[in-house]
C-alpha atoms as a PDB file:
ATOM      1  CA  MET A   1       0.000   0.000   0.000  1.00  0.00           C
ATOM      2  CA  LEU A   2       0.960   3.615  -0.575  1.00  0.00           C
ATOM      3  CA  HIS A   3       0.047   6.585   1.631  1.00  0.00           C
ATOM      4  CA  LEU A   4      -0.669   9.885  -0.116  1.00  0.00           C
ATOM      5  CA  ARG A   5      -0.690  13.285   1.604  1.00  0.00           C
ATOM      6  CA  LEU A   6      -2.190  16.012  -0.534  1.00  0.00           C
ATOM      7  CA  ILE A   7      -2.317  19.746   0.141  1.00  0.00           C
ATOM      8  CA  VAL A   8      -5.161  21.238  -1.888  1.00  0.00           C
ATOM      9  CA  PRO A   9      -6.689  24.748  -2.052  1.00  0.00           C
ATOM     10  CA  ALA A  10     -10.109  24.711  -0.403  1.00  0.00           C
ATOM     11  CA  ASP A  11     -11.959  25.526  -3.638  1.00  0.00           C
ATOM     12  CA  ARG A  12     -10.518  22.414  -5.350  1.00  0.00           C
ATOM     13  CA  THR A  13     -10.817  19.886  -2.535  1.00  0.00           C
ATOM     14  CA  ASP A  14     -14.193  18.496  -3.665  1.00  0.00           C
ATOM     15  CA  GLU A  15     -12.830  17.753  -7.153  1.00  0.00           C
ATOM     16  CA  VAL A  16      -9.775  16.002  -5.739  1.00  0.00           C
ATOM     17  CA  VAL A  17     -11.846  13.986  -3.268  1.00  0.00           C
ATOM     18  CA  ARG A  18     -14.188  12.844  -6.050  1.00  0.00           C
ATOM     19  CA  THR A  19     -11.198  11.695  -8.071  1.00  0.00           C
ATOM     20  CA  VAL A  20      -9.876   9.708  -5.124  1.00  0.00           C
ATOM     21  CA  GLU A  21     -13.260   8.166  -4.352  1.00  0.00           C
ATOM     22  CA  HIS A  22     -13.750   7.080  -7.972  1.00  0.00           C
ATOM     23  CA  THR A  23     -10.341   5.358  -8.058  1.00  0.00           C
ATOM     24  CA  VAL A  24     -10.556   1.624  -7.434  1.00  0.00           C
ATOM     25  CA  GLY A  25      -8.091   0.517  -4.764  1.00  0.00           C
ATOM     26  CA  THR A  26      -8.278   3.539  -2.419  1.00  0.00           C
ATOM     27  CA  THR A  27      -9.255   3.546   1.247  1.00  0.00           C
ATOM     28  CA  HIS A  28      -8.777   5.391   4.561  1.00  0.00           C
ATOM     29  CA  LEU A  29      -9.703   8.747   3.038  1.00  0.00           C
ATOM     30  CA  VAL A  30      -9.298  11.657   5.467  1.00  0.00           C
ATOM     31  CA  VAL A  31     -10.007  15.343   4.760  1.00  0.00           C
ATOM     32  CA  LEU A  32      -8.634  17.974   7.144  1.00  0.00           C
ATOM     33  CA  PRO A  33     -10.160  21.358   6.189  1.00  0.00           C
ATOM     34  CA  GLY A  34      -7.979  24.435   6.498  1.00  0.00           C
ATOM     35  CA  VAL A  35      -5.061  22.877   8.401  1.00  0.00           C
ATOM     36  CA  ALA A  36      -2.374  23.538   5.773  1.00  0.00           C
ATOM     37  CA  ARG A  37      -0.444  26.810   6.065  1.00  0.00           C
ATOM     38  CA  ASN A  38       2.264  26.691   3.361  1.00  0.00           C
ATOM     39  CA  PRO A  39       0.660  26.422   0.898  1.00  0.00           C
ATOM     40  CA  ALA A  40      -2.642  27.291   2.483  1.00  0.00           C
ATOM     41  CA  GLY A  41      -5.485  24.842   2.003  1.00  0.00           C
ATOM     42  CA  ASP A  42      -6.941  21.509   3.023  1.00  0.00           C
ATOM     43  CA  VAL A  43      -5.007  18.325   3.695  1.00  0.00           C
ATOM     44  CA  VAL A  44      -6.278  15.123   2.080  1.00  0.00           C
ATOM     45  CA  LEU A  45      -4.887  11.787   3.296  1.00  0.00           C
ATOM     46  CA  VAL A  46      -5.569   8.503   1.532  1.00  0.00           C
ATOM     47  CA  ASP A  47      -4.134   5.001   1.238  1.00  0.00           C
ATOM     48  CA  VAL A  48      -4.019   3.407  -2.205  1.00  0.00           C
ATOM     49  CA  ALA A  49      -3.022  -0.023  -3.455  1.00  0.00           C
ATOM     50  CA  ARG A  50       0.350   0.100  -5.200  1.00  0.00           C
ATOM     51  CA  GLU A  51      -1.165  -1.244  -8.417  1.00  0.00           C
ATOM     52  CA  ALA A  52      -3.597   1.691  -8.512  1.00  0.00           C
ATOM     53  CA  GLY A  53      -1.051   4.288  -7.428  1.00  0.00           C
ATOM     54  CA  ASP A  54       0.372   5.292 -10.793  1.00  0.00           C
ATOM     55  CA  ALA A  55      -3.067   5.909 -12.308  1.00  0.00           C
ATOM     56  CA  LEU A  56      -4.177   7.999  -9.324  1.00  0.00           C
ATOM     57  CA  LEU A  57      -0.987  10.057  -9.358  1.00  0.00           C
ATOM     58  CA  GLY A  58      -1.510  10.726 -13.053  1.00  0.00           C
ATOM     59  CA  GLU A  59      -5.054  11.970 -12.455  1.00  0.00           C
ATOM     60  CA  LEU A  60      -3.970  14.170  -9.547  1.00  0.00           C
ATOM     61  CA  ARG A  61      -1.223  15.737 -11.637  1.00  0.00           C
ATOM     62  CA  ALA A  62      -3.717  16.276 -14.444  1.00  0.00           C
ATOM     63  CA  LEU A  63      -5.821  18.230 -11.951  1.00  0.00           C
ATOM     64  CA  GLY A  64      -2.761  20.327 -11.167  1.00  0.00           C
ATOM     65  CA  VAL A  65      -2.409  19.282  -7.526  1.00  0.00           C
ATOM     66  CA  ASP A  66       1.389  19.235  -7.857  1.00  0.00           C
ATOM     67  CA  THR A  67       1.280  22.794  -9.244  1.00  0.00           C
ATOM     68  CA  TYR A  68      -1.058  24.612  -6.860  1.00  0.00           C
ATOM     69  CA  GLY A  69      -0.562  22.274  -3.894  1.00  0.00           C
ATOM     70  CA  SER A  70       1.523  19.265  -2.983  1.00  0.00           C
ATOM     71  CA  ILE A  71       1.645  15.489  -3.451  1.00  0.00           C
ATOM     72  CA  ALA A  72       3.701  13.366  -1.052  1.00  0.00           C
ATOM     73  CA  VAL A  73       3.907   9.565  -1.360  1.00  0.00           C
ATOM     74  CA  GLU A  74       5.139   7.079   1.230  1.00  0.00           C
ATOM     75  CA  ASN A  75       5.341   3.281   1.271  1.00  0.00           C
ATOM     76  CA  ILE A  76       3.316   1.610   4.015  1.00  0.00           C
ATOM     77  CA  ASP A  77       5.344  -1.238   5.480  1.00  0.00           C
ATOM     78  CA  LEU A  78       2.493  -2.573   7.599  1.00  0.00           C
ATOM     79  CA  SER A  79      -1.239  -1.952   7.383  1.00  0.00           C
ATOM     80  CA  LEU A  80      -3.571  -3.972   9.616  1.00  0.00           C
ATOM     81  CA  SER A  81      -6.908  -3.216   8.035  1.00  0.00           C
ATOM     82  CA  LYS A  82      -9.542  -5.286   6.303  1.00  0.00           C
ATOM     83  CA  ARG A  83     -10.435  -2.215   4.249  1.00  0.00           C
ATOM     84  CA  ALA A  84      -6.857  -2.067   3.003  1.00  0.00           C
ATOM     85  CA  ASP A  85      -6.960  -5.773   2.134  1.00  0.00           C
ATOM     86  CA  LYS A  86     -10.199  -5.225   0.220  1.00  0.00           C
ATOM     87  CA  ALA A  87      -8.735  -2.228  -1.634  1.00  0.00           C
ATOM     88  CA  GLU A  88      -5.761  -4.307  -2.768  1.00  0.00           C
ATOM     89  CA  GLU A  89      -8.080  -7.104  -3.913  1.00  0.00           C
ATOM     90  CA  GLU A  90     -10.232  -4.686  -5.912  1.00  0.00           C
ATOM     91  CA  ALA A  91      -7.327  -2.898  -7.572  1.00  0.00           C
ATOM     92  CA  PRO A  92      -6.521  -4.315 -11.013  1.00  0.00           C
ATOM     93  CA  GLY A  93      -3.269  -6.241 -11.401  1.00  0.00           C
ATOM     94  CA  GLU A  94      -0.637  -7.239  -8.885  1.00  0.00           C
ATOM     95  CA  GLY A  95       1.256  -4.750  -6.744  1.00  0.00           C
ATOM     96  CA  ALA A  96       4.594  -6.471  -7.377  1.00  0.00           C
ATOM     97  CA  ASP A  97       4.204  -5.875 -11.125  1.00  0.00           C
ATOM     98  CA  ALA A  98       3.139  -2.237 -10.880  1.00  0.00           C
ATOM     99  CA  VAL A  99       5.555   0.480 -11.984  1.00  0.00           C
ATOM    100  CA  LEU A 100       5.269   3.875 -10.313  1.00  0.00           C
ATOM    101  CA  TRP A 101       6.688   6.000 -13.104  1.00  0.00           C
ATOM    102  CA  GLU A 102       6.700   9.174 -11.036  1.00  0.00           C
ATOM    103  CA  HIS A 103       8.687   7.454  -8.289  1.00  0.00           C
ATOM    104  CA  LEU A 104      11.069   5.899 -10.810  1.00  0.00           C
ATOM    105  CA  ALA A 105      11.687   9.247 -12.498  1.00  0.00           C
ATOM    106  CA  GLU A 106      12.334  10.922  -9.139  1.00  0.00           C
ATOM    107  CA  ALA A 107      14.652   8.148  -7.934  1.00  0.00           C
ATOM    108  CA  THR A 108      16.695   8.075 -11.130  1.00  0.00           C
ATOM    109  CA  HIS A 109      16.826  11.885 -11.161  1.00  0.00           C
ATOM    110  CA  GLU A 110      18.558  11.850  -7.772  1.00  0.00           C
ATOM    111  CA  GLU A 111      20.861   8.944  -8.613  1.00  0.00           C
ATOM    112  CA  SER A 112      21.880  10.317 -12.017  1.00  0.00           C
ATOM    113  CA  THR A 113      22.890  13.810 -10.945  1.00  0.00           C
ATOM    114  CA  LEU A 114      26.586  14.635 -11.197  1.00  0.00           C
ATOM    115  CA  SER A 115      27.721  15.638  -7.724  1.00  0.00           C
ATOM    116  CA  VAL A 116      30.831  15.676  -5.581  1.00  0.00           C
ATOM    117  CA  THR A 117      29.534  12.632  -3.696  1.00  0.00           C
ATOM    118  CA  PHE A 118      28.927  10.706  -6.930  1.00  0.00           C
ATOM    119  CA  LEU A 119      32.426  11.545  -8.190  1.00  0.00           C
ATOM    120  CA  ALA A 120      33.974  10.616  -4.843  1.00  0.00           C
ATOM    121  CA  PHE A 121      32.303   7.205  -4.721  1.00  0.00           C
ATOM    122  CA  LEU A 122      33.170   6.423  -8.335  1.00  0.00           C
ATOM    123  CA  ALA A 123      36.794   7.545  -7.939  1.00  0.00           C
ATOM    124  CA  ILE A 124      37.243   5.596  -4.707  1.00  0.00           C
ATOM    125  CA  ALA A 125      35.676   2.495  -6.240  1.00  0.00           C
ATOM    126  CA  THR A 126      37.983   2.782  -9.253  1.00  0.00           C
ATOM    127  CA  MET A 127      41.055   3.149  -7.027  1.00  0.00           C
ATOM    128  CA  ILE A 128      40.053   0.092  -4.982  1.00  0.00           C
ATOM    129  CA  ALA A 129      39.625  -1.810  -8.246  1.00  0.00           C
ATOM    130  CA  ALA A 130      43.085  -0.599  -9.355  1.00  0.00           C
ATOM    131  CA  CYS A 131      44.564  -2.258  -6.280  1.00  0.00           C
ATOM    132  CA  GLY A 132      42.593  -5.370  -7.136  1.00  0.00           C
ATOM    133  CA  VAL A 133      43.830  -5.646 -10.716  1.00  0.00           C
ATOM    134  CA  VAL A 134      47.470  -5.015  -9.806  1.00  0.00           C
ATOM    135  CA  LEU A 135      47.368  -7.521  -6.940  1.00  0.00           C
ATOM    136  CA  ASP A 136      45.117  -9.924  -8.900  1.00  0.00           C
ATOM    137  CA  ASN A 137      42.788  -9.901  -5.907  1.00  0.00           C
ATOM    138  CA  ALA A 138      39.187 -10.864  -6.681  1.00  0.00           C
ATOM    139  CA  ILE A 139      37.939  -9.708  -3.255  1.00  0.00           C
ATOM    140  CA  LEU A 140      39.060  -6.145  -3.930  1.00  0.00           C
ATOM    141  CA  ILE A 141      37.410  -6.283  -7.360  1.00  0.00           C
ATOM    142  CA  VAL A 142      34.098  -7.371  -5.844  1.00  0.00           C
ATOM    143  CA  GLY A 143      34.356  -4.662  -3.173  1.00  0.00           C
ATOM    144  CA  ALA A 144      35.021  -2.010  -5.800  1.00  0.00           C
ATOM    145  CA  MET A 145      32.019  -3.095  -7.852  1.00  0.00           C
ATOM    146  CA  ALA A 146      29.780  -2.895  -4.773  1.00  0.00           C
ATOM    147  CA  VAL A 147      30.967   0.650  -4.008  1.00  0.00           C
ATOM    148  CA  GLY A 148      30.537   1.976  -7.563  1.00  0.00           C
ATOM    149  CA  PRO A 149      27.450   4.216  -8.023  1.00  0.00           C
ATOM    150  CA  GLU A 150      27.255   3.985 -11.820  1.00  0.00           C
ATOM    151  CA  PHE A 151      23.988   2.028 -12.007  1.00  0.00           C
ATOM    152  CA  GLY A 152      22.012   5.155 -11.073  1.00  0.00           C
ATOM    153  CA  PRO A 153      22.849   7.111 -14.257  1.00  0.00           C
ATOM    154  CA  LEU A 154      22.464   3.950 -16.343  1.00  0.00           C
ATOM    155  CA  ALA A 155      18.945   3.430 -14.949  1.00  0.00           C
ATOM    156  CA  GLY A 156      18.266   7.130 -15.481  1.00  0.00           C
ATOM    157  CA  LEU A 157      19.252   6.835 -19.136  1.00  0.00           C
ATOM    158  CA  SER A 158      16.967   3.824 -19.647  1.00  0.00           C
ATOM    159  CA  THR A 159      14.083   5.634 -17.942  1.00  0.00           C
ATOM    160  CA  ALA A 160      14.686   8.732 -20.053  1.00  0.00           C
ATOM    161  CA  LEU A 161      14.582   6.703 -23.276  1.00  0.00           C
ATOM    162  CA  VAL A 162      11.284   5.051 -22.332  1.00  0.00           C
ATOM    163  CA  GLN A 163       9.658   8.196 -20.939  1.00  0.00           C
ATOM    164  CA  ARG A 164      11.146  10.434 -23.663  1.00  0.00           C
ATOM    165  CA  ALA A 165      12.740  12.740 -21.111  1.00  0.00           C
ATOM    166  CA  PRO A 166      15.655  14.513 -22.826  1.00  0.00           C
ATOM    167  CA  ARG A 167      16.732  16.390 -19.689  1.00  0.00           C
ATOM    168  CA  LEU A 168      17.058  13.191 -17.677  1.00  0.00           C
ATOM    169  CA  ALA A 169      18.947  11.578 -20.571  1.00  0.00           C
ATOM    170  CA  ALA A 170      21.382  14.498 -20.775  1.00  0.00           C
ATOM    171  CA  ARG A 171      21.884  14.536 -17.002  1.00  0.00           C
ATOM    172  CA  SER A 172      22.569  10.792 -16.937  1.00  0.00           C
ATOM    173  CA  LEU A 173      25.010  10.942 -19.859  1.00  0.00           C
ATOM    174  CA  ILE A 174      26.882  13.831 -18.264  1.00  0.00           C
ATOM    175  CA  ALA A 175      27.148  11.945 -14.969  1.00  0.00           C
ATOM    176  CA  LEU A 176      28.454   8.825 -16.714  1.00  0.00           C
ATOM    177  CA  VAL A 177      30.928  10.497 -19.051  1.00  0.00           C
ATOM    178  CA  VAL A 178      32.293  13.083 -16.623  1.00  0.00           C
ATOM    179  CA  GLY A 179      32.225  10.605 -13.745  1.00  0.00           C
ATOM    180  CA  PHE A 180      34.259   7.927 -15.497  1.00  0.00           C
ATOM    181  CA  VAL A 181      36.673  10.421 -17.064  1.00  0.00           C
ATOM    182  CA  VAL A 182      37.396  12.048 -13.690  1.00  0.00           C
ATOM    183  CA  ALA A 183      37.625   8.688 -11.919  1.00  0.00           C
ATOM    184  CA  MET A 184      40.027   7.290 -14.525  1.00  0.00           C
ATOM    185  CA  VAL A 185      42.224  10.405 -14.516  1.00  0.00           C
ATOM    186  CA  LEU A 186      42.455  10.319 -10.718  1.00  0.00           C
ATOM    187  CA  THR A 187      43.141   6.585 -10.759  1.00  0.00           C
ATOM    188  CA  THR A 188      45.935   7.043 -13.313  1.00  0.00           C
ATOM    189  CA  GLY A 189      47.535   9.548 -10.945  1.00  0.00           C
ATOM    190  CA  PHE A 190      46.899   7.156  -8.046  1.00  0.00           C
ATOM    191  CA  GLY A 191      48.701   4.388  -9.940  1.00  0.00           C
ATOM    192  CA  VAL A 192      51.694   6.614 -10.646  1.00  0.00           C
ATOM    193  CA  LEU A 193      51.842   7.579  -6.964  1.00  0.00           C
ATOM    194  CA  MET A 194      51.625   3.945  -5.847  1.00  0.00           C
ATOM    195  CA  ASP A 195      54.414   3.073  -8.285  1.00  0.00           C
ATOM    196  CA  ALA A 196      56.585   5.838  -6.836  1.00  0.00           C
ATOM    197  CA  PHE A 197      56.147   4.302  -3.382  1.00  0.00           C
ATOM    198  CA  GLY A 198      57.002   0.850  -4.763  1.00  0.00           C
ATOM    199  CA  LEU A 199      53.511  -0.545  -4.162  1.00  0.00           C
ATOM    200  CA  PHE A 200      52.600  -0.930  -7.864  1.00  0.00           C
ATOM    201  CA  SER A 201      54.849  -2.124 -10.678  1.00  0.00           C
ATOM    202  CA  LYS A 202      54.507  -2.714 -14.396  1.00  0.00           C
ATOM    203  CA  ASP A 203      55.545  -6.342 -13.912  1.00  0.00           C
ATOM    204  CA  GLN A 204      52.526  -6.893 -11.667  1.00  0.00           C
ATOM    205  CA  LEU A 205      50.216  -5.594 -14.390  1.00  0.00           C
ATOM    206  CA  GLU A 206      51.825  -7.615 -17.177  1.00  0.00           C
ATOM    207  CA  ARG A 207      52.194 -10.932 -15.354  1.00  0.00           C
ATOM    208  CA  PRO A 208      49.520 -13.641 -15.713  1.00  0.00           C
ATOM    209  CA  ARG A 209      46.496 -12.669 -13.608  1.00  0.00           C
ATOM    210  CA  PRO A 210      44.100 -15.640 -13.525  1.00  0.00           C
ATOM    211  CA  ASN A 211      41.606 -13.833 -11.280  1.00  0.00           C
ATOM    212  CA  THR A 212      41.420 -10.534 -13.164  1.00  0.00           C
ATOM    213  CA  ASP A 213      42.590 -11.140 -16.744  1.00  0.00           C
ATOM    214  CA  PHE A 214      38.953 -11.210 -17.866  1.00  0.00           C
ATOM    215  CA  ILE A 215      38.679  -7.486 -17.136  1.00  0.00           C
ATOM    216  CA  TRP A 216      40.636  -6.499 -20.232  1.00  0.00           C
ATOM    217  CA  LYS A 217      39.630  -9.482 -22.385  1.00  0.00           C
ATOM    218  CA  PRO A 218      35.953  -8.885 -23.216  1.00  0.00           C
ATOM    219  CA  ASP A 219      33.852 -11.513 -24.988  1.00  0.00           C
ATOM    220  CA  MET A 220      30.191 -12.185 -25.653  1.00  0.00           C
ATOM    221  CA  PHE A 221      29.716 -13.425 -22.097  1.00  0.00           C
ATOM    222  CA  SER A 222      30.548  -9.911 -20.907  1.00  0.00           C
ATOM    223  CA  PHE A 223      27.639  -8.527 -22.904  1.00  0.00           C
ATOM    224  CA  VAL A 224      25.294 -11.334 -21.843  1.00  0.00           C
ATOM    225  CA  VAL A 225      26.069 -10.758 -18.151  1.00  0.00           C
ATOM    226  CA  ALA A 226      25.570  -7.005 -18.616  1.00  0.00           C
ATOM    227  CA  LEU A 227      22.164  -7.665 -20.202  1.00  0.00           C
ATOM    228  CA  LEU A 228      21.083  -9.921 -17.345  1.00  0.00           C
ATOM    229  CA  ALA A 229      22.354  -7.429 -14.775  1.00  0.00           C
ATOM    230  CA  GLY A 230      20.466  -4.628 -16.508  1.00  0.00           C
ATOM    231  CA  VAL A 231      17.218  -6.606 -16.334  1.00  0.00           C
ATOM    232  CA  ALA A 232      17.738  -7.506 -12.662  1.00  0.00           C
ATOM    233  CA  GLY A 233      18.707  -3.970 -11.692  1.00  0.00           C
ATOM    234  CA  THR A 234      15.721  -2.416 -13.436  1.00  0.00           C
ATOM    235  CA  LEU A 235      13.312  -4.890 -11.840  1.00  0.00           C
ATOM    236  CA  SER A 236      14.803  -4.146  -8.419  1.00  0.00           C
ATOM    237  CA  LEU A 237      14.148  -0.429  -8.920  1.00  0.00           C
ATOM    238  CA  THR A 238      10.603  -0.749 -10.221  1.00  0.00           C
ATOM    239  CA  SER A 239       9.552  -3.302  -7.614  1.00  0.00           C
ATOM    240  CA  ALA A 240      11.228  -1.428  -4.720  1.00  0.00           C
ATOM    241  CA  LYS A 241      13.469  -4.427  -3.988  1.00  0.00           C
ATOM    242  CA  SER A 242      16.643  -2.375  -3.665  1.00  0.00           C
ATOM    243  CA  GLY A 243      18.528  -5.203  -1.989  1.00  0.00           C
ATOM    244  CA  ALA A 244      18.954  -6.858  -5.382  1.00  0.00           C
ATOM    245  CA  LEU A 245      21.022  -3.880  -6.559  1.00  0.00           C
ATOM    246  CA  VAL A 246      24.015  -5.127  -4.568  1.00  0.00           C
ATOM    247  CA  GLY A 247      23.988  -8.345  -6.581  1.00  0.00           C
ATOM    248  CA  VAL A 248      23.701  -6.339  -9.780  1.00  0.00           C
ATOM    249  CA  ALA A 249      26.631  -4.136  -8.804  1.00  0.00           C
ATOM    250  CA  ILE A 250      28.989  -7.074  -8.296  1.00  0.00           C
ATOM    251  CA  SER A 251      28.010  -8.807 -11.529  1.00  0.00           C
ATOM    252  CA  VAL A 252      29.188  -6.187 -14.046  1.00  0.00           C
ATOM    253  CA  THR A 253      32.728  -5.107 -14.874  1.00  0.00           C
ATOM    254  CA  THR A 254      32.354  -1.363 -15.358  1.00  0.00           C
ATOM    255  CA  VAL A 255      34.460  -0.010 -12.478  1.00  0.00           C
ATOM    256  CA  PRO A 256      37.193  -2.705 -12.694  1.00  0.00           C
ATOM    257  CA  ALA A 257      37.487  -2.126 -16.443  1.00  0.00           C
ATOM    258  CA  ALA A 258      37.879   1.617 -15.905  1.00  0.00           C
ATOM    259  CA  ALA A 259      40.516   0.926 -13.240  1.00  0.00           C
ATOM    260  CA  ASN A 260      42.486  -1.475 -15.423  1.00  0.00           C
ATOM    261  CA  ALA A 261      42.398   1.020 -18.298  1.00  0.00           C
ATOM    262  CA  ALA A 262      43.648   3.815 -16.019  1.00  0.00           C
ATOM    263  CA  VAL A 263      46.519   1.793 -14.566  1.00  0.00           C
ATOM    264  CA  ALA A 264      47.470   0.455 -18.005  1.00  0.00           C
ATOM    265  CA  LEU A 265      47.511   3.997 -19.378  1.00  0.00           C
ATOM    266  CA  GLY A 266      49.912   5.041 -16.641  1.00  0.00           C
ATOM    267  CA  TYR A 267      52.324   2.286 -17.670  1.00  0.00           C
ATOM    268  CA  GLY A 268      51.830   2.756 -21.410  1.00  0.00           C
ATOM    269  CA  GLU A 269      50.172  -0.664 -21.741  1.00  0.00           C
ATOM    270  CA  ILE A 270      48.027   0.236 -24.748  1.00  0.00           C
ATOM    271  CA  ARG A 271      46.739  -3.291 -25.387  1.00  0.00           C
ATOM    272  CA  GLN A 272      45.309  -3.638 -21.896  1.00  0.00           C
ATOM    273  CA  MET A 273      43.993  -0.089 -21.968  1.00  0.00           C
ATOM    274  CA  TRP A 274      41.990  -0.632 -25.166  1.00  0.00           C
ATOM    275  CA  GLY A 275      40.776  -4.045 -24.034  1.00  0.00           C
ATOM    276  CA  SER A 276      39.587  -2.606 -20.727  1.00  0.00           C
ATOM    277  CA  THR A 277      37.911   0.328 -22.474  1.00  0.00           C
ATOM    278  CA  GLU A 278      36.073  -2.087 -24.756  1.00  0.00           C
ATOM    279  CA  GLN A 279      34.959  -4.062 -21.700  1.00  0.00           C
ATOM    280  CA  LEU A 280      33.705  -0.878 -20.050  1.00  0.00           C
ATOM    281  CA  LEU A 281      31.719   0.271 -23.083  1.00  0.00           C
ATOM    282  CA  LEU A 282      30.324  -3.221 -23.643  1.00  0.00           C
ATOM    283  CA  ASN A 283      28.997  -3.392 -20.092  1.00  0.00           C
ATOM    284  CA  LEU A 284      27.550   0.117 -20.161  1.00  0.00           C
ATOM    285  CA  ALA A 285      25.762  -0.546 -23.447  1.00  0.00           C
ATOM    286  CA  GLY A 286      24.421  -3.907 -22.275  1.00  0.00           C
ATOM    287  CA  ILE A 287      22.923  -2.464 -19.093  1.00  0.00           C
ATOM    288  CA  VAL A 288      21.259   0.447 -20.909  1.00  0.00           C
ATOM    289  CA  VAL A 289      19.817  -1.795 -23.634  1.00  0.00           C
ATOM    290  CA  ALA A 290      18.513  -4.337 -21.117  1.00  0.00           C
ATOM    291  CA  GLY A 291      17.116  -1.659 -18.804  1.00  0.00           C
ATOM    292  CA  THR A 292      15.287   0.078 -21.645  1.00  0.00           C
ATOM    293  CA  LEU A 293      13.799  -3.150 -22.987  1.00  0.00           C
ATOM    294  CA  THR A 294      12.761  -4.222 -19.488  1.00  0.00           C
ATOM    295  CA  LEU A 295      10.919  -0.955 -18.853  1.00  0.00           C
ATOM    296  CA  LEU A 296       9.204  -1.155 -22.241  1.00  0.00           C
ATOM    297  CA  ALA A 297       8.127  -4.731 -21.524  1.00  0.00           C
ATOM    298  CA  GLN A 298       6.843  -3.773 -18.072  1.00  0.00           C
ATOM    299  CA  LYS A 299       4.924  -0.852 -19.502  1.00  0.00           C
ATOM    300  CA  TYR A 300       3.280  -3.034 -22.145  1.00  0.00           C
ATOM    301  CA  LEU A 301       2.527  -6.012 -19.884  1.00  0.00           C
ATOM    302  CA  TRP A 302       1.142  -3.813 -17.097  1.00  0.00           C
ATOM    303  CA  ALA A 303      -1.201  -2.076 -19.532  1.00  0.00           C
ATOM    304  CA  LYS A 304      -2.445  -5.461 -20.784  1.00  0.00           C
ATOM    305  CA  GLN A 305      -2.857  -6.750 -17.235  1.00  0.00           C
ATOM    306  CA  ARG A 306      -4.902  -3.710 -16.244  1.00  0.00           C
ATOM    307  CA  GLU A 307      -7.094  -4.077 -19.338  1.00  0.00           C
ATOM    308  CA  ARG A 308      -7.838  -7.720 -18.502  1.00  0.00           C
ATOM    309  CA  ALA A 309      -8.520  -6.938 -14.846  1.00  0.00           C
ATOM    310  CA  LEU A 310     -10.825  -4.022 -15.652  1.00  0.00           C
ATOM    311  CA  GLY A 311     -12.609  -6.149 -18.230  1.00  0.00           C
ATOM    312  CA  ARG A 312     -13.559  -8.648 -15.537  1.00  0.00           C
ATOM    313  CA  THR A 313     -15.054  -5.975 -13.276  1.00  0.00           C
END
């Protein structure tokens, strides 16, 4: 269930309440006249089944509630109410399959914005991965992949393509390009510094590395894994199962590939640098393609599911 808190001017409250009451899957409607101060107006509280949430949010935005008032949405972790159970039964479709496009757009907007924090996480992850590739240490590689924040802009780009949101697409591309360029430049400098202290060496990079050689030797499996990770990551975002994102993060070779390319560049190892760059681009492309196709499939299947459910009522 979702909990909506609406602030509505008094002269539009009746229209908003009618919209809520006519939406299948709503319950626990509360109207508090005149309690809002900024902006001034009435407060309307309502619980709605997740599968009916996107449609209701669309109608409320069409009424301009987000313009002249406010719409706040929260997830309800526990609701002990037979009315809530009935609302979920009446709502068409299944809550686990529902996509809240407004929530997805907001989440990807935050995760795909270029910021100091984003750059710091990406640079640190790339430096950890640099230690992993030089030492041929798979544990460090996994840790670096878990720290990397690059899935946010990738999901933002997929969302932008499906929703035709050019601003979100531009923001996501800027975060990805600038983020990886800065992270790789800093990691190249980090590698040079580590070499000066005798902690890195060219021999370590060139020797056989059974645990990390795959990073700069891309093949079709790299693209297949990126596709599967893109599907899993997108589903975890749309179904609010964020715990799955950790598994997605440690299944793709974006950050390690960027790290290997940066260290190889510092030592003039052009073959490894180009191989790692190809691995990086292959993974980025696979995730975006899979994420976009997953969202399109969800959009289509959810529309069909709603049509069938409404046809039975």
